[in-house]
Protein backbone atom coordinates (compact mmCIF):
# COMPACT_ATOMS: atom_id res chain seq x y z
CA MET A 1 125.05 165.00 132.71
CA SER A 2 124.57 161.99 134.02
CA SER A 3 126.50 160.37 131.29
CA GLU A 4 125.20 163.46 129.81
CA TYR A 5 123.95 165.64 132.16
CA ALA A 6 120.43 166.52 131.94
CA VAL A 7 121.75 169.65 130.07
CA ARG A 8 124.31 167.67 128.33
CA ALA A 9 122.33 168.32 124.98
CA ALA A 10 123.38 171.98 124.98
CA LEU A 11 126.54 170.40 125.78
CA VAL A 12 126.69 169.81 122.17
CA GLY A 13 126.72 173.29 121.50
CA LEU A 14 128.61 174.40 118.49
CA GLN A 15 131.64 171.77 119.51
CA PHE A 16 130.46 169.17 117.40
CA SER A 17 131.58 170.07 113.97
CA ILE A 18 132.02 168.94 110.43
CA GLY A 19 134.24 169.29 107.56
CA LEU A 20 131.85 170.93 105.28
CA LEU A 21 132.79 174.71 104.78
CA LEU A 22 130.47 177.74 104.17
CA ALA A 23 131.52 180.78 102.28
CA PRO A 24 131.63 183.74 104.88
CA GLY A 25 130.07 186.57 104.09
CA SER A 26 131.94 189.95 102.87
CA VAL A 27 133.06 192.74 105.19
CA SER A 28 133.23 196.20 103.63
CA SER A 29 134.78 198.45 106.09
CA SER A 30 136.18 198.26 109.84
CA SER A 31 133.12 200.68 110.77
CA ALA A 32 130.79 197.64 109.36
CA GLU A 33 132.81 195.26 111.31
CA GLU A 34 132.21 197.17 114.46
CA ALA A 35 128.52 197.42 113.54
CA GLY A 36 128.30 193.69 112.95
CA ALA A 37 129.91 192.89 115.93
CA ALA A 38 127.69 194.58 117.95
CA ALA A 39 124.71 193.20 116.18
CA GLY A 40 126.10 189.70 116.69
CA GLU A 41 126.55 190.30 120.24
CA ALA A 42 122.78 191.15 120.85
CA LEU A 43 122.07 188.32 118.73
CA TYR A 44 124.31 186.17 121.00
CA GLN A 45 122.85 187.20 124.29
CA GLN A 46 119.32 186.73 122.82
CA ARG A 47 119.82 183.31 121.30
CA CYS A 48 122.69 181.65 122.88
CA ALA A 49 123.88 182.92 126.10
CA SER A 50 121.07 181.42 128.34
CA CYS A 51 122.95 178.24 127.71
CA HIS A 52 126.60 179.12 126.79
CA GLU A 53 126.86 181.67 129.81
CA GLY A 54 123.98 180.66 131.67
CA GLY A 55 125.02 177.57 133.98
CA VAL A 56 124.06 175.11 131.40
CA ALA A 57 125.93 171.73 132.10
CA ARG A 58 128.25 170.94 128.95
CA ALA A 59 127.41 174.00 126.88
CA PRO A 60 130.92 175.38 125.70
CA ASP A 61 131.71 178.93 126.96
CA ARG A 62 132.58 181.57 124.93
CA ASN A 63 136.19 181.19 125.29
CA ALA A 64 135.79 177.66 124.02
CA LEU A 65 133.84 178.72 121.23
CA ARG A 66 136.01 181.12 120.03
CA GLN A 67 138.55 178.69 119.59
CA LEU A 68 136.47 176.99 116.88
CA GLY A 69 136.83 178.21 113.03
CA GLU A 70 134.69 180.60 111.38
CA GLN A 71 133.25 178.26 108.70
CA ARG A 72 132.53 175.53 111.26
CA MET A 73 130.36 178.04 113.42
CA ARG A 74 128.34 178.98 110.41
CA PHE A 75 127.57 175.31 109.54
CA GLN A 76 126.43 174.66 113.11
CA LEU A 77 124.49 177.89 112.98
CA THR A 78 122.63 177.03 109.35
CA TYR A 79 122.37 173.51 109.04
CA GLY A 80 124.05 171.85 112.16
CA LEU A 81 122.93 171.47 115.99
CA MET A 82 122.32 174.81 116.66
CA SER A 83 120.25 175.83 113.88
CA GLN A 84 117.10 175.65 116.06
CA GLN A 85 118.40 178.59 117.65
CA ALA A 86 119.17 180.37 114.41
CA ARG A 87 116.54 179.14 112.17
CA ASP A 88 114.69 182.65 111.65
CA LEU A 89 117.93 184.57 111.18
CA SER A 90 119.55 185.75 108.05
CA ARG A 91 122.72 184.46 106.41
CA ASP A 92 123.98 188.26 107.57
CA GLN A 93 122.74 187.69 110.80
CA ILE A 94 124.38 184.62 111.27
CA GLY A 95 127.80 186.00 110.09
CA ASP A 96 127.29 188.70 112.70
CA VAL A 97 126.95 186.26 115.48
CA VAL A 98 130.11 184.36 113.87
CA HIS A 99 132.18 187.64 114.00
CA PHE A 100 131.15 188.50 117.54
CA LEU A 101 132.26 185.10 118.61
CA LYS A 102 135.34 184.84 116.32
CA GLY A 103 136.93 187.83 118.31
CA THR A 104 140.43 187.78 118.42
CA ALA A 105 140.52 183.83 117.35
CA PRO A 106 143.78 182.76 116.14
CA ALA A 107 145.15 182.46 112.80
CA PRO A 108 144.11 179.49 110.89
CA ALA A 109 146.34 176.54 111.82
CA ALA A 110 149.22 175.77 109.29
CA GLU A 111 148.69 172.64 106.99
CA LEU A 112 149.80 169.53 108.88
CA PRO A 113 152.77 167.27 107.99
CA ASP A 114 151.71 163.60 106.78
CA SER A 115 151.44 161.54 109.83
CA SER A 116 150.59 158.48 107.85
CA CYS A 117 152.27 154.95 108.92
CA ARG A 118 155.27 154.09 106.80
CA ASP A 119 154.23 150.30 107.05
CA ASP A 120 151.00 148.37 107.25
CA GLY A 121 151.26 147.40 111.01
CA PRO A 122 150.30 144.18 112.62
CA LYS A 123 146.90 142.91 110.86
CA LEU A 124 144.05 143.44 112.78
CA THR A 125 142.77 139.87 112.77
CA ASP A 126 145.41 138.76 114.96
CA ALA A 127 143.71 137.62 117.83
CA SER A 128 146.82 137.48 119.93
CA LEU A 129 147.05 141.32 120.34
CA PRO A 130 145.08 142.77 123.55
CA ARG A 131 142.19 144.79 122.88
CA TRP A 132 139.85 146.98 124.43
CA ASN A 133 136.50 146.83 122.53
CA GLY A 134 134.06 149.52 122.78
CA TRP A 135 132.77 151.09 126.08
CA GLY A 136 133.12 148.55 129.01
CA VAL A 137 135.44 145.86 127.55
CA ASP A 138 132.96 143.13 127.34
CA VAL A 139 129.27 143.28 126.73
CA ARG A 140 128.40 143.08 130.55
CA GLN A 141 129.94 146.91 130.65
CA HIS A 142 132.49 145.69 133.74
CA ARG A 143 135.08 148.46 132.42
CA PHE A 144 137.52 145.80 134.03
CA GLN A 145 140.85 144.78 131.80
CA PRO A 146 142.02 141.57 132.95
CA ALA A 147 145.79 140.91 133.14
CA ASP A 148 146.22 139.26 129.85
CA GLN A 149 144.79 141.91 128.08
CA ALA A 150 146.12 144.67 130.36
CA ARG A 151 149.78 143.53 130.28
CA LEU A 152 150.28 146.31 133.01
CA ALA A 153 151.23 145.27 136.29
CA ALA A 154 149.95 147.08 139.66
CA GLU A 155 153.67 147.89 140.70
CA ASP A 156 154.78 149.37 137.21
CA VAL A 157 151.67 152.02 137.05
CA PRO A 158 153.69 154.73 138.95
CA ARG A 159 156.13 154.27 136.30
CA LEU A 160 153.76 155.50 133.33
CA LYS A 161 154.91 158.15 131.18
CA LEU A 162 153.94 159.95 128.15
CA LYS A 163 154.78 157.87 124.96
CA TRP A 164 153.14 159.85 122.47
CA ALA A 165 150.29 162.44 121.94
CA PHE A 166 147.80 163.11 119.30
CA GLY A 167 145.85 166.39 118.68
CA PHE A 168 142.61 166.49 117.23
CA PRO A 169 142.74 169.74 114.48
CA GLY A 170 140.68 172.79 115.42
CA ASP A 171 138.94 170.74 118.10
CA VAL A 172 137.93 172.23 121.65
CA ARG A 173 137.00 168.85 123.37
CA ALA A 174 137.70 165.59 123.24
CA SER A 175 134.81 163.45 124.23
CA ALA A 176 135.29 159.83 122.78
CA GLN A 177 136.68 156.94 124.26
CA PRO A 178 139.15 154.87 122.38
CA THR A 179 139.03 151.37 121.37
CA VAL A 180 142.14 149.20 121.14
CA PHE A 181 141.96 146.10 118.62
CA GLY A 182 144.47 144.29 116.43
CA GLY A 183 147.41 146.63 117.37
CA ALA A 184 145.24 149.79 116.29
CA LEU A 185 143.35 152.64 117.87
CA PHE A 186 140.04 153.89 116.91
CA VAL A 187 138.94 157.06 118.26
CA GLY A 188 136.12 159.45 116.96
CA SER A 189 136.19 162.96 117.21
CA ALA A 190 134.21 166.50 117.92
CA GLY A 191 135.13 167.57 114.42
CA GLY A 192 133.44 164.63 112.85
CA LYS A 193 136.54 162.65 111.91
CA VAL A 194 137.01 159.03 113.00
CA TYR A 195 140.49 158.02 113.34
CA ALA A 196 142.84 154.59 112.99
CA LEU A 197 145.95 154.98 114.40
CA ASP A 198 148.84 152.61 115.43
CA ALA A 199 148.21 151.90 118.91
CA ALA A 200 151.94 151.86 119.54
CA THR A 201 153.18 154.80 117.93
CA GLY A 202 150.20 157.06 117.11
CA CYS A 203 151.01 157.30 113.47
CA GLN A 204 147.64 157.53 111.23
CA ARG A 205 146.33 154.38 109.30
CA TRP A 206 143.22 156.16 107.90
CA VAL A 207 140.77 158.60 108.62
CA PHE A 208 137.34 158.82 108.03
CA ASP A 209 134.94 162.34 108.03
CA ALA A 210 131.29 161.17 109.34
CA GLY A 211 130.26 164.78 108.97
CA PHE A 212 129.05 165.20 112.20
CA GLY A 213 130.52 164.98 115.69
CA VAL A 214 131.40 161.69 116.86
CA ARG A 215 131.33 160.80 121.06
CA SER A 216 130.57 157.01 120.93
CA ALA A 217 132.93 154.55 121.44
CA ILE A 218 133.88 152.32 118.63
CA THR A 219 132.88 148.61 118.68
CA ILE A 220 134.95 146.31 116.34
CA GLY A 221 133.26 143.05 114.83
CA GLU A 222 133.88 140.27 112.77
CA ASP A 223 132.02 138.39 110.23
CA ALA A 224 132.52 137.02 106.88
CA ARG A 225 133.55 140.08 105.19
CA GLY A 226 136.42 140.43 107.82
CA LEU A 227 136.23 143.45 110.51
CA THR A 228 133.97 146.17 110.81
CA ALA A 229 134.17 149.11 113.00
CA TYR A 230 130.62 150.42 114.13
CA PHE A 231 129.58 153.78 115.73
CA GLY A 232 127.29 156.44 115.77
CA ASP A 233 127.02 160.19 115.23
CA GLN A 234 125.65 163.31 116.72
CA ARG A 235 122.98 163.47 114.07
CA GLY A 236 121.51 160.00 114.98
CA ASN A 237 123.47 158.00 112.22
CA ALA A 238 124.84 154.61 112.68
CA TYR A 239 128.01 153.67 110.68
CA ALA A 240 129.92 150.38 109.49
CA LEU A 241 133.14 150.83 108.11
CA ASP A 242 135.78 148.34 107.00
CA ALA A 243 138.16 148.59 109.94
CA GLU A 244 141.23 147.59 107.86
CA THR A 245 140.66 150.59 105.41
CA GLY A 246 138.03 152.98 106.73
CA LYS A 247 135.75 152.70 103.64
CA PRO A 248 132.04 152.79 104.51
CA ARG A 249 129.99 149.53 104.42
CA TRP A 250 126.74 150.99 105.09
CA THR A 251 125.14 153.98 107.43
CA ARG A 252 121.68 154.10 108.60
CA ARG A 253 119.76 157.03 110.27
CA VAL A 254 118.45 155.17 113.21
CA GLU A 255 115.66 157.74 114.12
CA GLU A 256 114.26 160.58 112.47
CA HIS A 257 113.46 163.16 115.12
CA GLN A 258 115.49 166.15 114.21
CA ALA A 259 117.25 166.43 117.59
CA ALA A 260 118.14 162.55 117.71
CA LEU A 261 121.87 161.75 118.55
CA ILE A 262 123.88 158.95 119.65
CA THR A 263 126.20 159.30 122.63
CA GLY A 264 126.25 155.64 123.72
CA ALA A 265 128.58 153.03 122.12
CA PRO A 266 126.58 150.44 119.80
CA VAL A 267 127.20 147.08 121.26
CA LEU A 268 127.23 143.91 118.98
CA ALA A 269 126.11 140.11 120.09
CA ASP A 270 125.44 137.39 117.67
CA GLY A 271 125.32 139.56 114.38
CA VAL A 272 122.90 142.38 116.08
CA LEU A 273 124.04 145.63 116.63
CA TYR A 274 122.28 147.45 119.59
CA VAL A 275 122.09 151.22 119.31
CA PRO A 276 121.12 153.50 122.29
CA VAL A 277 119.51 157.07 121.24
CA SER A 278 119.38 160.05 123.09
CA SER A 279 118.79 163.48 122.19
CA LEU A 280 119.37 167.27 122.35
CA GLU A 281 115.82 168.29 122.43
CA GLU A 282 116.15 169.04 126.55
CA ALA A 283 118.37 171.86 125.41
CA LEU A 284 116.24 173.03 122.28
CA ALA A 285 113.65 173.34 125.40
CA ALA A 286 115.75 176.68 126.37
CA ASP A 287 113.82 178.48 123.36
CA PRO A 288 110.09 179.41 124.31
CA ARG A 289 109.35 179.17 121.00
CA TYR A 290 110.32 175.66 120.35
CA GLY A 291 107.17 173.52 120.88
CA CYS A 292 108.39 171.38 123.65
CA CYS A 293 108.87 168.30 123.29
CA SER A 294 108.33 165.24 121.07
CA PHE A 295 111.62 162.94 121.24
CA ARG A 296 111.29 159.67 122.52
CA GLY A 297 114.36 157.82 123.88
CA LEU A 298 114.74 154.41 122.05
CA ILE A 299 116.81 151.64 121.54
CA ALA A 300 117.25 149.72 118.15
CA ALA A 301 118.61 146.52 117.01
CA LEU A 302 120.12 146.64 113.71
CA ASP A 303 121.46 143.69 111.46
CA ALA A 304 125.13 144.04 111.68
CA ALA A 305 125.80 143.00 108.10
CA THR A 306 123.30 145.39 106.32
CA GLY A 307 122.22 148.18 108.71
CA GLU A 308 118.64 146.98 108.42
CA ILE A 309 116.64 147.53 111.61
CA LYS A 310 115.28 145.01 113.15
CA TRP A 311 113.46 146.63 115.46
CA ARG A 312 112.84 149.81 117.55
CA SER A 313 111.59 149.80 121.27
CA TYR A 314 110.47 153.21 122.34
CA ILE A 315 110.63 154.51 126.04
CA SER A 316 107.41 156.39 125.95
CA PRO A 317 104.01 156.63 123.54
CA PRO A 318 104.21 159.23 120.77
CA ALA A 319 103.82 162.74 122.21
CA GLN A 320 100.26 164.22 122.19
CA PRO A 321 99.05 167.95 122.64
CA GLN A 322 99.61 169.12 126.18
CA GLY A 323 98.50 172.67 126.33
CA ILE A 324 99.71 175.97 125.25
CA ASN A 325 103.10 177.82 126.89
CA ALA A 326 103.15 181.01 128.09
CA ILE A 327 104.04 182.72 125.01
CA GLY A 328 101.59 180.78 123.20
CA VAL A 329 103.25 177.95 121.64
CA GLN A 330 102.07 174.38 121.23
CA GLN A 331 103.37 171.94 123.76
CA PHE A 332 103.73 168.17 123.47
CA GLY A 333 104.51 165.10 125.75
CA PRO A 334 105.30 162.40 127.20
CA ALA A 335 108.76 162.88 125.88
CA GLY A 336 112.47 162.12 127.24
CA GLY A 337 113.75 159.13 128.34
CA ALA A 338 117.01 159.50 126.57
CA ILE A 339 119.65 156.61 126.18
CA TRP A 340 123.23 158.39 127.01
CA SER A 341 124.95 154.84 127.70
CA ALA A 342 125.88 151.60 125.91
CA PRO A 343 123.38 148.91 126.47
CA THR A 344 124.40 145.94 128.40
CA ILE A 345 123.83 142.50 126.99
CA ASP A 346 122.77 139.22 129.10
CA GLY A 347 123.57 136.37 126.69
CA ALA A 348 122.28 133.79 129.24
CA THR A 349 118.56 135.31 129.10
CA GLY A 350 118.69 136.71 125.86
CA THR A 351 118.18 140.35 127.28
CA VAL A 352 119.16 143.79 126.62
CA TYR A 353 119.29 146.10 129.28
CA ALA A 354 119.41 149.96 129.11
CA MET A 355 119.37 152.99 131.33
CA THR A 356 117.11 156.18 130.88
CA GLY A 357 117.32 159.60 131.58
CA ASP A 358 114.46 161.97 132.84
CA SER A 359 111.30 163.00 131.03
CA TYR A 360 111.45 166.30 129.19
CA SER A 361 107.46 167.30 129.42
CA LYS A 362 104.64 166.16 131.39
CA PRO A 363 103.45 163.89 131.92
CA ALA A 364 106.64 162.07 133.27
CA GLN A 365 106.79 158.57 132.23
CA ASP A 366 107.55 155.53 134.47
CA THR A 367 110.12 154.48 132.14
CA SER A 368 112.29 157.51 132.75
CA ASP A 369 115.34 157.49 135.28
CA ALA A 370 114.98 153.68 135.10
CA PHE A 371 116.42 150.23 134.65
CA LEU A 372 114.76 148.78 131.15
CA ALA A 373 115.05 144.99 130.10
CA PHE A 374 114.20 144.09 126.44
CA ASP A 375 113.83 141.01 124.79
CA ALA A 376 116.80 140.62 122.42
CA ALA A 377 115.23 139.23 119.72
CA THR A 378 112.02 141.22 119.39
CA GLY A 379 112.41 144.64 121.43
CA LYS A 380 109.86 143.66 123.49
CA LEU A 381 109.94 145.36 127.35
CA ASN A 382 110.13 142.64 129.50
CA TRP A 383 110.37 144.80 132.90
CA SER A 384 111.32 148.46 134.36
CA ARG A 385 112.47 149.75 137.17
CA GLN A 386 111.92 153.38 137.71
CA MET A 387 114.25 155.06 140.24
CA THR A 388 113.02 158.62 140.44
CA GLY A 389 109.23 159.31 139.54
CA GLY A 390 107.80 162.37 138.25
CA ASP A 391 111.15 163.56 137.14
CA ALA A 392 110.41 166.03 134.17
CA PHE A 393 112.97 168.52 133.39
CA ASN A 394 114.38 170.60 130.85
CA VAL A 395 117.12 173.14 130.02
CA ALA A 396 114.28 175.62 130.24
CA CYS A 397 114.17 175.46 133.74
CA VAL A 398 117.55 176.46 134.52
CA SER A 399 117.67 179.46 131.35
CA GLN A 400 116.41 182.56 131.17
CA TYR A 401 113.20 181.63 129.35
CA ARG A 402 111.14 179.30 131.28
CA ALA A 403 107.96 178.93 129.21
CA ASN A 404 108.94 175.23 128.36
CA CYS A 405 109.80 174.37 131.79
CA PRO A 406 107.50 171.70 133.09
CA GLU A 407 105.18 172.64 136.20
CA GLY A 408 106.59 171.31 139.19
CA LYS A 409 109.97 170.44 137.39
CA GLY A 410 112.00 167.61 138.63
CA PRO A 411 115.32 166.94 139.71
CA ASP A 412 116.98 165.94 136.72
CA PHE A 413 118.28 162.93 138.03
CA ASP A 414 119.15 160.98 134.78
CA PHE A 415 121.22 157.50 134.51
CA GLY A 416 124.19 158.56 132.25
CA SER A 417 125.99 155.36 132.90
CA SER A 418 125.73 151.88 131.49
CA ALA A 419 124.45 149.09 134.01
CA ILE A 420 127.10 146.38 134.97
CA LEU A 421 125.70 142.86 134.92
CA VAL A 422 127.63 140.64 137.66
CA ASP A 423 127.70 137.41 139.00
CA LEU A 424 127.43 137.05 142.95
CA GLY A 425 127.95 133.39 143.52
CA ASP A 426 125.62 130.50 143.85
CA GLY A 427 123.96 131.36 140.92
CA LYS A 428 122.61 134.82 141.75
CA ARG A 429 123.52 137.99 139.63
CA ALA A 430 123.23 141.57 139.93
CA LEU A 431 122.46 144.47 137.53
CA ILE A 432 123.97 147.63 139.07
CA ALA A 433 124.18 151.22 138.19
CA GLY A 434 124.70 154.60 139.27
CA GLN A 435 122.25 157.51 139.16
CA LYS A 436 122.91 161.50 139.08
CA SER A 437 120.95 161.39 142.24
CA GLY A 438 123.77 160.03 144.43
CA VAL A 439 122.69 156.53 144.74
CA VAL A 440 124.08 153.39 143.43
CA HIS A 441 121.48 150.56 142.77
CA ALA A 442 121.62 146.81 142.51
CA LEU A 443 118.57 144.90 141.18
CA ASP A 444 118.03 141.48 140.65
CA PRO A 445 117.64 140.64 136.91
CA ASP A 446 116.41 137.35 137.22
CA HIS A 447 113.43 138.52 139.30
CA ALA A 448 112.06 141.49 137.28
CA GLY A 449 114.30 144.13 138.71
CA ALA A 450 113.83 143.53 142.54
CA ILE A 451 115.93 145.88 144.70
CA LEU A 452 118.96 143.95 146.09
CA TRP A 453 120.75 146.99 147.77
CA GLN A 454 120.94 150.73 147.49
CA ARG A 455 124.07 152.76 148.46
CA ARG A 456 124.23 156.60 148.74
CA VAL A 457 127.71 157.89 147.61
CA GLY A 458 126.96 161.32 146.75
CA GLN A 459 124.76 164.61 147.31
CA GLY A 460 123.18 164.25 143.72
CA SER A 461 122.23 167.08 141.60
CA THR A 462 121.83 168.20 138.09
CA LEU A 463 125.75 167.76 137.99
CA GLY A 464 126.20 165.43 140.75
CA GLY A 465 126.24 161.81 141.89
CA VAL A 466 127.57 159.14 139.38
CA GLN A 467 128.02 160.71 136.18
CA TRP A 468 129.69 158.48 133.06
CA GLY A 469 130.27 154.86 134.63
CA MET A 470 131.74 152.63 137.44
CA ALA A 471 133.80 149.48 137.17
CA ALA A 472 133.74 146.26 138.74
CA ASP A 473 135.98 143.58 139.33
CA ASP A 474 135.22 140.10 141.26
CA GLU A 475 134.54 141.47 144.48
CA ASN A 476 134.14 145.44 144.43
CA LEU A 477 132.29 147.97 142.56
CA TYR A 478 134.27 151.24 141.97
CA VAL A 479 132.55 154.34 141.81
CA ALA A 480 133.48 157.92 141.09
CA VAL A 481 131.56 161.05 142.37
CA SER A 482 130.83 164.28 140.39
CA ASP A 483 128.69 166.76 142.75
CA ILE A 484 130.17 169.66 141.11
CA GLY A 485 129.72 172.76 142.97
CA LEU A 486 128.92 176.38 141.98
CA VAL A 487 129.74 179.69 143.91
CA PRO A 488 128.89 183.21 143.53
CA VAL A 489 132.08 185.35 143.08
CA ALA A 490 132.62 188.76 141.88
CA PRO A 491 132.94 189.92 138.63
CA GLY A 492 136.38 189.53 137.16
CA THR A 493 137.32 186.34 139.13
CA PRO A 494 139.73 183.78 137.23
CA GLY A 495 137.69 180.94 136.11
CA ALA A 496 134.26 182.45 136.78
CA GLN A 497 131.30 182.77 134.38
CA LYS A 498 128.64 185.31 133.83
CA THR A 499 125.05 184.19 133.99
CA VAL A 500 121.93 185.59 132.37
CA MET A 501 120.32 185.88 135.58
CA GLY A 502 122.81 188.76 136.30
CA GLY A 503 125.01 186.78 138.74
CA VAL A 504 128.88 185.12 138.17
CA LEU A 505 129.71 181.97 139.32
CA LYS A 506 132.68 179.39 139.29
CA MET A 507 133.25 175.94 140.06
CA ASP A 508 133.81 175.60 143.89
CA PRO A 509 137.49 173.99 144.23
CA ARG A 510 136.21 172.70 147.75
CA GLN A 511 133.18 170.52 146.51
CA GLY A 512 132.72 167.31 144.73
CA GLY A 513 134.59 164.39 144.03
CA GLY A 514 135.90 161.34 145.62
CA LEU A 515 136.25 157.58 144.70
CA PHE A 516 134.32 154.79 146.47
CA ALA A 517 135.06 150.80 146.46
CA LEU A 518 131.53 148.82 147.12
CA LYS A 519 131.04 145.37 147.99
CA LEU A 520 129.20 143.75 144.91
CA ALA A 521 126.86 141.80 146.99
CA THR A 522 125.89 144.28 149.81
CA GLY A 523 126.97 147.57 148.53
CA GLU A 524 128.94 148.22 151.78
CA ILE A 525 131.63 150.55 151.59
CA VAL A 526 135.23 149.16 151.51
CA TRP A 527 137.05 152.03 151.25
CA HIS A 528 136.63 155.84 150.49
CA THR A 529 139.22 158.19 148.88
CA PRO A 530 138.21 161.88 148.86
CA HIS A 531 139.79 164.15 146.03
CA PRO A 532 143.14 165.20 147.27
CA GLY A 533 142.04 169.05 146.85
CA CYS A 534 142.37 171.87 144.48
CA ASN A 535 144.39 174.03 146.16
CA ASP A 536 142.16 176.98 145.25
CA THR A 537 143.48 176.71 141.65
CA PRO A 538 141.22 179.04 139.28
CA GLY A 539 138.68 177.12 137.43
CA CYS A 540 139.53 173.71 139.33
CA SER A 541 136.60 171.45 140.74
CA PRO A 542 137.58 168.37 142.53
CA ALA A 543 134.22 166.70 140.79
CA GLN A 544 135.28 162.95 139.21
CA SER A 545 132.81 162.78 136.66
CA ALA A 546 134.39 160.53 133.92
CA ALA A 547 133.89 156.60 133.66
CA VAL A 548 136.25 154.82 136.11
CA THR A 549 138.36 152.00 134.69
CA ALA A 550 139.97 148.95 136.67
CA ILE A 551 142.74 146.53 135.97
CA PRO A 552 144.20 144.11 138.67
CA GLY A 553 145.32 145.52 141.59
CA VAL A 554 144.46 149.20 140.13
CA VAL A 555 141.52 151.56 139.59
CA PHE A 556 141.72 154.88 137.41
CA SER A 557 139.58 157.86 138.10
CA GLY A 558 139.88 161.29 136.00
CA GLY A 559 138.58 164.74 137.05
CA LEU A 560 137.48 167.75 135.86
CA ASP A 561 140.91 169.35 137.22
CA GLY A 562 142.61 167.44 134.72
CA HIS A 563 143.88 165.00 136.83
CA LEU A 564 144.20 161.24 135.98
CA ARG A 565 144.85 159.46 139.30
CA ALA A 566 145.10 155.57 140.10
CA TYR A 567 144.40 154.29 143.08
CA ALA A 568 145.02 150.78 144.98
CA ALA A 569 142.13 148.46 144.54
CA LYS A 570 142.82 147.05 147.79
CA SER A 571 143.12 150.22 149.90
CA GLY A 572 142.05 153.23 147.88
CA GLU A 573 145.49 154.83 148.45
CA ILE A 574 146.68 156.99 145.45
CA ILE A 575 149.57 155.48 143.63
CA TRP A 576 150.16 157.93 140.53
CA ASP A 577 148.68 161.09 140.01
CA LEU A 578 149.36 162.91 136.43
CA ASP A 579 148.09 166.30 135.46
CA THR A 580 147.19 166.23 132.06
CA VAL A 581 146.56 170.17 131.52
CA LYS A 582 149.33 171.53 129.44
CA ASP A 583 150.32 171.59 125.98
CA TYR A 584 151.77 168.54 123.70
CA THR A 585 154.07 167.97 121.00
CA THR A 586 152.12 165.45 118.81
CA VAL A 587 152.89 162.92 116.44
CA ASN A 588 150.62 164.56 113.90
CA GLY A 589 151.69 168.00 114.23
CA ALA A 590 148.41 169.28 115.52
CA ALA A 591 148.62 171.94 118.24
CA ALA A 592 147.23 170.20 121.32
CA HIS A 593 146.38 170.90 124.64
CA GLY A 594 145.27 168.98 127.42
CA GLY A 595 142.29 170.05 130.17
CA SER A 596 139.55 168.37 131.78
CA LEU A 597 139.02 164.77 132.09
CA ASP A 598 135.36 163.83 131.68
CA GLY A 599 132.94 161.49 129.87
CA PRO A 600 135.10 158.82 128.63
CA GLY A 601 137.44 156.82 131.02
CA ALA A 602 140.76 155.68 130.71
CA VAL A 603 141.50 152.68 128.37
CA VAL A 604 144.12 149.98 129.14
CA ALA A 605 145.82 147.20 126.66
CA ASP A 606 149.07 145.62 125.99
CA GLY A 607 151.00 147.66 128.59
CA MET A 608 149.70 150.84 127.50
CA LEU A 609 147.09 153.45 128.88
CA TYR A 610 145.29 155.96 126.76
CA VAL A 611 142.92 158.94 127.46
CA ASN A 612 141.13 161.79 125.94
CA SER A 613 142.03 165.21 127.75
CA GLY A 614 139.81 168.18 127.00
CA TYR A 615 136.30 167.79 127.94
CA THR A 616 135.11 171.16 128.44
CA ASN A 617 132.18 171.60 130.96
CA TYR A 618 130.76 174.76 132.46
CA GLY A 619 133.98 176.58 133.57
CA SER A 620 136.36 173.62 133.05
CA VAL A 621 139.20 173.19 130.94
CA PRO A 622 138.76 172.87 126.87
CA GLY A 623 141.34 170.85 125.15
CA ASN A 624 142.01 168.33 122.05
CA ALA A 625 144.73 166.04 123.06
CA LEU A 626 144.71 161.83 122.89
CA LEU A 627 147.48 160.75 125.23
CA ALA A 628 149.46 157.26 125.48
CA PHE A 629 151.29 156.12 128.43
CA SER A 630 153.76 153.17 128.80
CA VAL A 631 156.19 152.26 131.53
CA ASP A 632 158.98 154.59 131.34
CA GLY A 633 157.49 155.83 128.20
CA LYS A 634 159.19 153.10 125.90
């Protein structure tokens, strides 16, 4: 992934669910159940295993899928994100797949107790309350929380202890970054629910059911109607809710392509909501019967008050026929260029910057794997700077059926994280982003993206380099490195996954990870702290893929090993190390377990730190816990 990895679209797999329930089919006898399970296993191996057991990044493995409810799996296969794989299956055949996956799934959870807040709490409009709004705190995506908002001193960080935990009921992934505003915490879930919680106690103010998974951070804006919460879902819908009550103001389908989804947080500026759009088509291409590919990455500008679309700017022209694949299915292109991350706003020049992913099919576009600069008023592309050319890649290239893999496939070097706009002094500025290639790039936004400096921090790969994002203070840039390694092992090895190509792999506990501090002006390495190591823990990877967060004197970085670590900003010394992989007693009564940290980074506001734990990846640990820490847990 970059911030979604190239295959992060399969990444969504069955994990995004909604509250609609479909009636399960009846089972007449134990022999019929056995026959159904056998038929379901065959269909699973034919339709699903190439991603879920084939090494595709971000595709939940079978153990993670098994934790989902039967109705949720049925919906995804019938109407949801996996409907392409099941498009010609009968209702009974879908039931067989679900029956196979369900296996020995735990009994349905008991009804949860009422965790509603007993009082109204502070008004959201109280401007004196510290906040972390959206993905990067500010529209320039610094991911740096100043002291007056953090209210957490560097010397107090080692005393952080759990204050409360919240469990996302029935989920196996916690993949959305929280927003803190007006004493409330807003967060989406893989189960399609958006929650408003009391930031101090975790009690529930309201819940909204979006119907599809919500992994974008939530942006709070204010206008004549009061405060509004903006976000996107995994079907390409943008939403505006009354932030006080959770009642809908408007919903808008931003892009009609069947594979469109919104991963990056919408960004609000001057009454306009800028919405990035990505897709799961990169994963759909694993099916040789799918006519790959036609999705075009885009950014859309919406009127924040009404949801009316003011303009859309696409990364490439409409796809055209490009020949026939090996089994006779029409292919299309160009396609791809998904925008996985929140855009960056340059108020001084009226520019919106976006980072793009790879192309999905030939011809590869020069706007893929690139920095793009759009006119904020019209959507006109002012300039672009591509960092990896010819990168046409999709999941077929790493799966059993390769008919849709582009000839001469690229390295899958997406940009998954937002660009950071910084001031260098003397009127000079830089636009900085890290890539899955393992290189950090700094461009001059005032001279058509001229390259200022480049610095390699990782080896780079489909799962490598810089994934979800960096942080910047006035002097330095803080960069975490993924570089996940997979090694062949014997069948039955703890943490191993069988691939459709016949091999067995697990994450290498010795490869990946590390945190760098680079000088903003030059890219010079100030310090580098390697990952402290996994000690051969089964299923552990030292990869640090999650977005980095900084406060004065401290940098926070989470890893696939489930640890959240705090580093001294001056030296890189680890001053706090917390293992989040454990069971939690939650304020809402839901069963919760922590897992790998990936995607969203930590959020700090008003003396508390919040982080989601349990972003299941290939071989990493699933989970469904939102954790809140304060000094001494008080």
